[in-house]
Amino acid sequence: MGGAEDEAYAPCRVRALIPRCCITTSFSAKSKDGDIVLMDVAAQYSGYAADITRTVPANGKYTPRQREIL
């Protein structure tokens, strides 16, 4: 297994209390307590693309409200 040939599209990371959409590829903003980080990344291989999306708490622990929603 050689892995992916390239990115299928630029990775996306959004930080917000509750991310609503993936609108930026900028990684300059710092996450803070209470933020949720949404990561969307994709790879391509032999003409096929696959992506994965993950939502995680910035500080490693969901708030009760975040756990209820997510």
PDB file of N, CA and C in Angstrom:
ATOM      1  N   MET A   1       0.839  -1.177   0.000  1.00  0.00           N
ATOM      2  CA  MET A   1       0.000   0.000   0.000  1.00  0.00           C
ATOM      3  C   MET A   1       0.884   1.240   0.000  1.00  0.00           C
ATOM      4  N   GLY A   2       0.685   2.070  -1.015  1.00  0.00           N
ATOM      5  CA  GLY A   2       1.511   3.256  -1.150  1.00  0.00           C
ATOM      6  C   GLY A   2       0.870   4.523  -0.625  1.00  0.00           C
ATOM      7  N   GLY A   3      -0.386   4.492  -0.278  1.00  0.00           N
ATOM      8  CA  GLY A   3      -1.053   5.692   0.205  1.00  0.00           C
ATOM      9  C   GLY A   3      -1.596   6.540  -0.926  1.00  0.00           C
ATOM     10  N   ALA A   4      -2.042   7.730  -0.562  1.00  0.00           N
ATOM     11  CA  ALA A   4      -2.650   8.643  -1.519  1.00  0.00           C
ATOM     12  C   ALA A   4      -1.609   9.228  -2.462  1.00  0.00           C
ATOM     13  N   GLU A   5      -2.054   9.579  -3.655  1.00  0.00           N
ATOM     14  CA  GLU A   5      -1.192  10.257  -4.623  1.00  0.00           C
ATOM     15  C   GLU A   5      -1.140  11.755  -4.362  1.00  0.00           C
ATOM     16  N   ASP A   6      -2.251  12.303  -3.858  1.00  0.00           N
ATOM     17  CA  ASP A   6      -2.347  13.747  -3.657  1.00  0.00           C
ATOM     18  C   ASP A   6      -3.598  14.045  -2.845  1.00  0.00           C
ATOM     19  N   GLU A   7      -3.750  15.315  -2.458  1.00  0.00           N
ATOM     20  CA  GLU A   7      -4.997  15.763  -1.842  1.00  0.00           C
ATOM     21  C   GLU A   7      -6.070  15.845  -2.916  1.00  0.00           C
ATOM     22  N   ALA A   8      -7.294  15.448  -2.586  1.00  0.00           N
ATOM     23  CA  ALA A   8      -8.396  15.610  -3.529  1.00  0.00           C
ATOM     24  C   ALA A   8      -8.854  17.067  -3.541  1.00  0.00           C
ATOM     25  N   TYR A   9      -8.729  17.743  -2.419  1.00  0.00           N
ATOM     26  CA  TYR A   9      -8.973  19.184  -2.304  1.00  0.00           C
ATOM     27  C   TYR A   9      -8.227  19.665  -1.071  1.00  0.00           C
ATOM     28  N   ALA A  10      -8.095  20.960  -0.940  1.00  0.00           N
ATOM     29  CA  ALA A  10      -7.352  21.511   0.196  1.00  0.00           C
ATOM     30  C   ALA A  10      -8.047  21.147   1.505  1.00  0.00           C
ATOM     31  N   PRO A  11      -7.291  20.776   2.536  1.00  0.00           N
ATOM     32  CA  PRO A  11      -7.915  20.467   3.822  1.00  0.00           C
ATOM     33  C   PRO A  11      -8.653  21.679   4.361  1.00  0.00           C
ATOM     34  N   CYS A  12      -9.680  21.425   5.117  1.00  0.00           N
ATOM     35  CA  CYS A  12     -10.499  22.490   5.677  1.00  0.00           C
ATOM     36  C   CYS A  12     -10.579  22.309   7.182  1.00  0.00           C
ATOM     37  N   ARG A  13     -10.406  23.397   7.909  1.00  0.00           N
ATOM     38  CA  ARG A  13     -10.582  23.356   9.348  1.00  0.00           C
ATOM     39  C   ARG A  13     -11.387  24.576   9.739  1.00  0.00           C
ATOM     40  N   VAL A  14     -12.424  24.365  10.519  1.00  0.00           N
ATOM     41  CA  VAL A  14     -13.260  25.464  10.993  1.00  0.00           C
ATOM     42  C   VAL A  14     -13.288  25.372  12.503  1.00  0.00           C
ATOM     43  N   ARG A  15     -13.129  26.489  13.156  1.00  0.00           N
ATOM     44  CA  ARG A  15     -13.256  26.481  14.612  1.00  0.00           C
ATOM     45  C   ARG A  15     -14.395  27.420  14.980  1.00  0.00           C
ATOM     46  N   ALA A  16     -15.270  26.935  15.825  1.00  0.00           N
ATOM     47  CA  ALA A  16     -16.412  27.731  16.250  1.00  0.00           C
ATOM     48  C   ALA A  16     -17.078  27.034  17.414  1.00  0.00           C
ATOM     49  N   LEU A  17     -17.972  27.731  18.055  1.00  0.00           N
ATOM     50  CA  LEU A  17     -18.734  27.100  19.120  1.00  0.00           C
ATOM     51  C   LEU A  17     -19.519  25.933  18.541  1.00  0.00           C
ATOM     52  N   ILE A  18     -20.197  26.175  17.421  1.00  0.00           N
ATOM     53  CA  ILE A  18     -20.874  25.119  16.670  1.00  0.00           C
ATOM     54  C   ILE A  18     -20.609  25.391  15.195  1.00  0.00           C
ATOM     55  N   PRO A  19     -19.691  24.667  14.554  1.00  0.00           N
ATOM     56  CA  PRO A  19     -19.415  24.929  13.133  1.00  0.00           C
ATOM     57  C   PRO A  19     -20.635  24.624  12.277  1.00  0.00           C
ATOM     58  N   ARG A  20     -20.922  25.495  11.336  1.00  0.00           N
ATOM     59  CA  ARG A  20     -22.087  25.299  10.477  1.00  0.00           C
ATOM     60  C   ARG A  20     -21.696  24.879   9.062  1.00  0.00           C
ATOM     61  N   CYS A  21     -20.560  25.321   8.605  1.00  0.00           N
ATOM     62  CA  CYS A  21     -20.119  24.935   7.269  1.00  0.00           C
ATOM     63  C   CYS A  21     -18.616  25.101   7.167  1.00  0.00           C
ATOM     64  N   CYS A  22     -18.061  24.446   6.195  1.00  0.00           N
ATOM     65  CA  CYS A  22     -16.615  24.482   5.991  1.00  0.00           C
ATOM     66  C   CYS A  22     -16.309  25.581   4.978  1.00  0.00           C
ATOM     67  N   ILE A  23     -15.880  26.744   5.472  1.00  0.00           N
ATOM     68  CA  ILE A  23     -15.727  27.880   4.570  1.00  0.00           C
ATOM     69  C   ILE A  23     -14.307  28.417   4.493  1.00  0.00           C
ATOM     70  N   THR A  24     -13.382  27.842   5.225  1.00  0.00           N
ATOM     71  CA  THR A  24     -12.035  28.398   5.216  1.00  0.00           C
ATOM     72  C   THR A  24     -10.985  27.295   5.176  1.00  0.00           C
ATOM     73  N   THR A  25      -9.882  27.596   4.568  1.00  0.00           N
ATOM     74  CA  THR A  25      -8.738  26.682   4.610  1.00  0.00           C
ATOM     75  C   THR A  25      -7.602  27.326   5.393  1.00  0.00           C
ATOM     76  N   SER A  26      -7.881  28.447   6.050  1.00  0.00           N
ATOM     77  CA  SER A  26      -6.879  29.146   6.835  1.00  0.00           C
ATOM     78  C   SER A  26      -6.691  28.456   8.184  1.00  0.00           C
ATOM     79  N   PHE A  27      -5.447  28.244   8.557  1.00  0.00           N
ATOM     80  CA  PHE A  27      -5.159  27.602   9.830  1.00  0.00           C
ATOM     81  C   PHE A  27      -4.538  28.579  10.819  1.00  0.00           C
ATOM     82  N   SER A  28      -4.704  29.872  10.593  1.00  0.00           N
ATOM     83  CA  SER A  28      -4.037  30.870  11.419  1.00  0.00           C
ATOM     84  C   SER A  28      -4.776  31.164  12.725  1.00  0.00           C
ATOM     85  N   ALA A  29      -6.074  30.947  12.787  1.00  0.00           N
ATOM     86  CA  ALA A  29      -6.838  31.247  13.997  1.00  0.00           C
ATOM     87  C   ALA A  29      -6.531  30.213  15.078  1.00  0.00           C
ATOM     88  N   LYS A  30      -6.389  30.678  16.306  1.00  0.00           N
ATOM     89  CA  LYS A  30      -6.119  29.774  17.421  1.00  0.00           C
ATOM     90  C   LYS A  30      -7.430  29.324  18.038  1.00  0.00           C
ATOM     91  N   SER A  31      -7.514  28.051  18.330  1.00  0.00           N
ATOM     92  CA  SER A  31      -8.695  27.512  18.996  1.00  0.00           C
ATOM     93  C   SER A  31      -8.618  27.833  20.477  1.00  0.00           C
ATOM     94  N   LYS A  32      -9.800  27.918  21.098  1.00  0.00           N
ATOM     95  CA  LYS A  32      -9.839  28.209  22.526  1.00  0.00           C
ATOM     96  C   LYS A  32     -10.859  27.296  23.198  1.00  0.00           C
ATOM     97  N   ASP A  33     -10.844  27.277  24.525  1.00  0.00           N
ATOM     98  CA  ASP A  33     -11.803  26.452  25.263  1.00  0.00           C
ATOM     99  C   ASP A  33     -13.221  26.754  24.804  1.00  0.00           C
ATOM    100  N   GLY A  34     -14.002  25.720  24.632  1.00  0.00           N
ATOM    101  CA  GLY A  34     -15.384  25.875  24.199  1.00  0.00           C
ATOM    102  C   GLY A  34     -15.550  25.774  22.697  1.00  0.00           C
ATOM    103  N   ASP A  35     -14.454  25.865  21.945  1.00  0.00           N
ATOM    104  CA  ASP A  35     -14.528  25.733  20.491  1.00  0.00           C
ATOM    105  C   ASP A  35     -14.651  24.270  20.084  1.00  0.00           C
ATOM    106  N   ILE A  36     -15.288  24.079  18.964  1.00  0.00           N
ATOM    107  CA  ILE A  36     -15.337  22.784  18.294  1.00  0.00           C
ATOM    108  C   ILE A  36     -14.494  22.935  17.035  1.00  0.00           C
ATOM    109  N   VAL A  37     -13.688  21.935  16.735  1.00  0.00           N
ATOM    110  CA  VAL A  37     -12.868  21.965  15.535  1.00  0.00           C
ATOM    111  C   VAL A  37     -13.416  20.943  14.554  1.00  0.00           C
ATOM    112  N   LEU A  38     -13.818  21.409  13.376  1.00  0.00           N
ATOM    113  CA  LEU A  38     -14.306  20.537  12.315  1.00  0.00           C
ATOM    114  C   LEU A  38     -13.183  20.406  11.294  1.00  0.00           C
ATOM    115  N   MET A  39     -12.777  19.178  11.021  1.00  0.00           N
ATOM    116  CA  MET A  39     -11.706  18.934  10.042  1.00  0.00           C
ATOM    117  C   MET A  39     -12.281  18.121   8.897  1.00  0.00           C
ATOM    118  N   ASP A  40     -12.016  18.546   7.700  1.00  0.00           N
ATOM    119  CA  ASP A  40     -12.469  17.836   6.501  1.00  0.00           C
ATOM    120  C   ASP A  40     -11.271  17.688   5.577  1.00  0.00           C
ATOM    121  N   VAL A  41     -10.840  16.466   5.349  1.00  0.00           N
ATOM    122  CA  VAL A  41      -9.667  16.219   4.501  1.00  0.00           C
ATOM    123  C   VAL A  41     -10.001  15.136   3.480  1.00  0.00           C
ATOM    124  N   ALA A  42      -9.327  15.193   2.347  1.00  0.00           N
ATOM    125  CA  ALA A  42      -9.599  14.217   1.289  1.00  0.00           C
ATOM    126  C   ALA A  42      -8.311  13.838   0.575  1.00  0.00           C
ATOM    127  N   ALA A  43      -8.292  12.628   0.075  1.00  0.00           N
ATOM    128  CA  ALA A  43      -7.146  12.128  -0.678  1.00  0.00           C
ATOM    129  C   ALA A  43      -7.630  11.569  -2.005  1.00  0.00           C
ATOM    130  N   GLN A  44      -6.715  11.543  -2.956  1.00  0.00           N
ATOM    131  CA  GLN A  44      -7.065  10.926  -4.238  1.00  0.00           C
ATOM    132  C   GLN A  44      -6.040   9.854  -4.582  1.00  0.00           C
ATOM    133  N   TYR A  45      -6.522   8.835  -5.280  1.00  0.00           N
ATOM    134  CA  TYR A  45      -5.669   7.742  -5.718  1.00  0.00           C
ATOM    135  C   TYR A  45      -6.258   7.137  -6.978  1.00  0.00           C
ATOM    136  N   SER A  46      -5.500   7.101  -8.004  1.00  0.00           N
ATOM    137  CA  SER A  46      -5.890   6.441  -9.251  1.00  0.00           C
ATOM    138  C   SER A  46      -7.247   6.930  -9.778  1.00  0.00           C
ATOM    139  N   GLY A  47      -7.466   8.239  -9.679  1.00  0.00           N
ATOM    140  CA  GLY A  47      -8.699   8.816 -10.200  1.00  0.00           C
ATOM    141  C   GLY A  47      -9.875   8.790  -9.238  1.00  0.00           C
ATOM    142  N   TYR A  48      -9.696   8.212  -8.057  1.00  0.00           N
ATOM    143  CA  TYR A  48     -10.764   8.154  -7.060  1.00  0.00           C
ATOM    144  C   TYR A  48     -10.435   9.103  -5.914  1.00  0.00           C
ATOM    145  N   ALA A  49     -11.466   9.648  -5.301  1.00  0.00           N
ATOM    146  CA  ALA A  49     -11.286  10.542  -4.154  1.00  0.00           C
ATOM    147  C   ALA A  49     -12.115  10.030  -2.985  1.00  0.00           C
ATOM    148  N   ALA A  50     -11.590  10.218  -1.806  1.00  0.00           N
ATOM    149  CA  ALA A  50     -12.314   9.859  -0.583  1.00  0.00           C
ATOM    150  C   ALA A  50     -12.037  10.941   0.447  1.00  0.00           C
ATOM    151  N   ASP A  51     -13.030  11.195   1.282  1.00  0.00           N
ATOM    152  CA  ASP A  51     -12.819  12.199   2.307  1.00  0.00           C
ATOM    153  C   ASP A  51     -13.265  11.679   3.657  1.00  0.00           C
ATOM    154  N   ILE A  52     -12.814  12.390   4.689  1.00  0.00           N
ATOM    155  CA  ILE A  52     -13.192  12.064   6.055  1.00  0.00           C
ATOM    156  C   ILE A  52     -13.427  13.385   6.778  1.00  0.00           C
ATOM    157  N   THR A  53     -14.451  13.420   7.585  1.00  0.00           N
ATOM    158  CA  THR A  53     -14.772  14.611   8.358  1.00  0.00           C
ATOM    159  C   THR A  53     -14.846  14.222   9.828  1.00  0.00           C
ATOM    160  N   ARG A  54     -14.204  15.000  10.655  1.00  0.00           N
ATOM    161  CA  ARG A  54     -14.216  14.758  12.094  1.00  0.00           C
ATOM    162  C   ARG A  54     -14.501  16.053  12.815  1.00  0.00           C
ATOM    163  N   THR A  55     -15.256  15.968  13.907  1.00  0.00           N
ATOM    164  CA  THR A  55     -15.548  17.109  14.754  1.00  0.00           C
ATOM    165  C   THR A  55     -15.082  16.755  16.161  1.00  0.00           C
ATOM    166  N   VAL A  56     -14.197  17.581  16.706  1.00  0.00           N
ATOM    167  CA  VAL A  56     -13.628  17.305  18.025  1.00  0.00           C
ATOM    168  C   VAL A  56     -13.611  18.576  18.853  1.00  0.00           C
ATOM    169  N   PRO A  57     -13.671  18.443  20.175  1.00  0.00           N
ATOM    170  CA  PRO A  57     -13.552  19.632  21.024  1.00  0.00           C
ATOM    171  C   PRO A  57     -12.107  20.116  21.034  1.00  0.00           C
ATOM    172  N   ALA A  58     -11.908  21.418  20.978  1.00  0.00           N
ATOM    173  CA  ALA A  58     -10.568  21.989  20.918  1.00  0.00           C
ATOM    174  C   ALA A  58      -9.743  21.648  22.154  1.00  0.00           C
ATOM    175  N   ASN A  59     -10.388  21.582  23.300  1.00  0.00           N
ATOM    176  CA  ASN A  59      -9.645  21.316  24.536  1.00  0.00           C
ATOM    177  C   ASN A  59      -9.692  19.837  24.947  1.00  0.00           C
ATOM    178  N   GLY A  60     -10.292  18.984  24.114  1.00  0.00           N
ATOM    179  CA  GLY A  60     -10.336  17.552  24.415  1.00  0.00           C
ATOM    180  C   GLY A  60     -11.568  17.094  25.174  1.00  0.00           C
ATOM    181  N   LYS A  61     -12.420  18.027  25.618  1.00  0.00           N
ATOM    182  CA  LYS A  61     -13.623  17.645  26.364  1.00  0.00           C
ATOM    183  C   LYS A  61     -14.836  18.399  25.815  1.00  0.00           C
ATOM    184  N   TYR A  62     -15.890  17.647  25.494  1.00  0.00           N
ATOM    185  CA  TYR A  62     -17.136  18.267  25.050  1.00  0.00           C
ATOM    186  C   TYR A  62     -17.841  18.911  26.233  1.00  0.00           C
ATOM    187  N   THR A  63     -18.467  20.070  25.978  1.00  0.00           N
ATOM    188  CA  THR A  63     -19.357  20.642  26.988  1.00  0.00           C
ATOM    189  C   THR A  63     -20.634  19.813  26.964  1.00  0.00           C
ATOM    190  N   PRO A  64     -21.460  19.886  28.000  1.00  0.00           N
ATOM    191  CA  PRO A  64     -22.721  19.130  27.976  1.00  0.00           C
ATOM    192  C   PRO A  64     -23.579  19.470  26.749  1.00  0.00           C
ATOM    193  N   ARG A  65     -23.636  20.740  26.365  1.00  0.00           N
ATOM    194  CA  ARG A  65     -24.434  21.149  25.201  1.00  0.00           C
ATOM    195  C   ARG A  65     -23.849  20.589  23.906  1.00  0.00           C
ATOM    196  N   GLN A  66     -22.526  20.632  23.750  1.00  0.00           N
ATOM    197  CA  GLN A  66     -21.896  20.088  22.563  1.00  0.00           C
ATOM    198  C   GLN A  66     -22.146  18.585  22.465  1.00  0.00           C
ATOM    199  N   ARG A  67     -22.034  17.881  23.573  1.00  0.00           N
ATOM    200  CA  ARG A  67     -22.275  16.439  23.562  1.00  0.00           C
ATOM    201  C   ARG A  67     -23.720  16.138  23.162  1.00  0.00           C
ATOM    202  N   GLU A  68     -24.652  16.955  23.601  1.00  0.00           N
ATOM    203  CA  GLU A  68     -26.063  16.771  23.252  1.00  0.00           C
ATOM    204  C   GLU A  68     -26.283  16.950  21.750  1.00  0.00           C
ATOM    205  N   ILE A  69     -25.627  17.952  21.159  1.00  0.00           N
ATOM    206  CA  ILE A  69     -25.819  18.251  19.746  1.00  0.00           C
ATOM    207  C   ILE A  69     -25.049  17.291  18.848  1.00  0.00           C
ATOM    208  N   LEU A  70     -23.804  17.022  19.217  1.00  0.00           N
ATOM    209  CA  LEU A  70     -22.945  16.219  18.363  1.00  0.00           C
ATOM    210  C   LEU A  70     -23.087  14.763  18.687  1.00  0.00           C
TER     211      LEU A  70
END
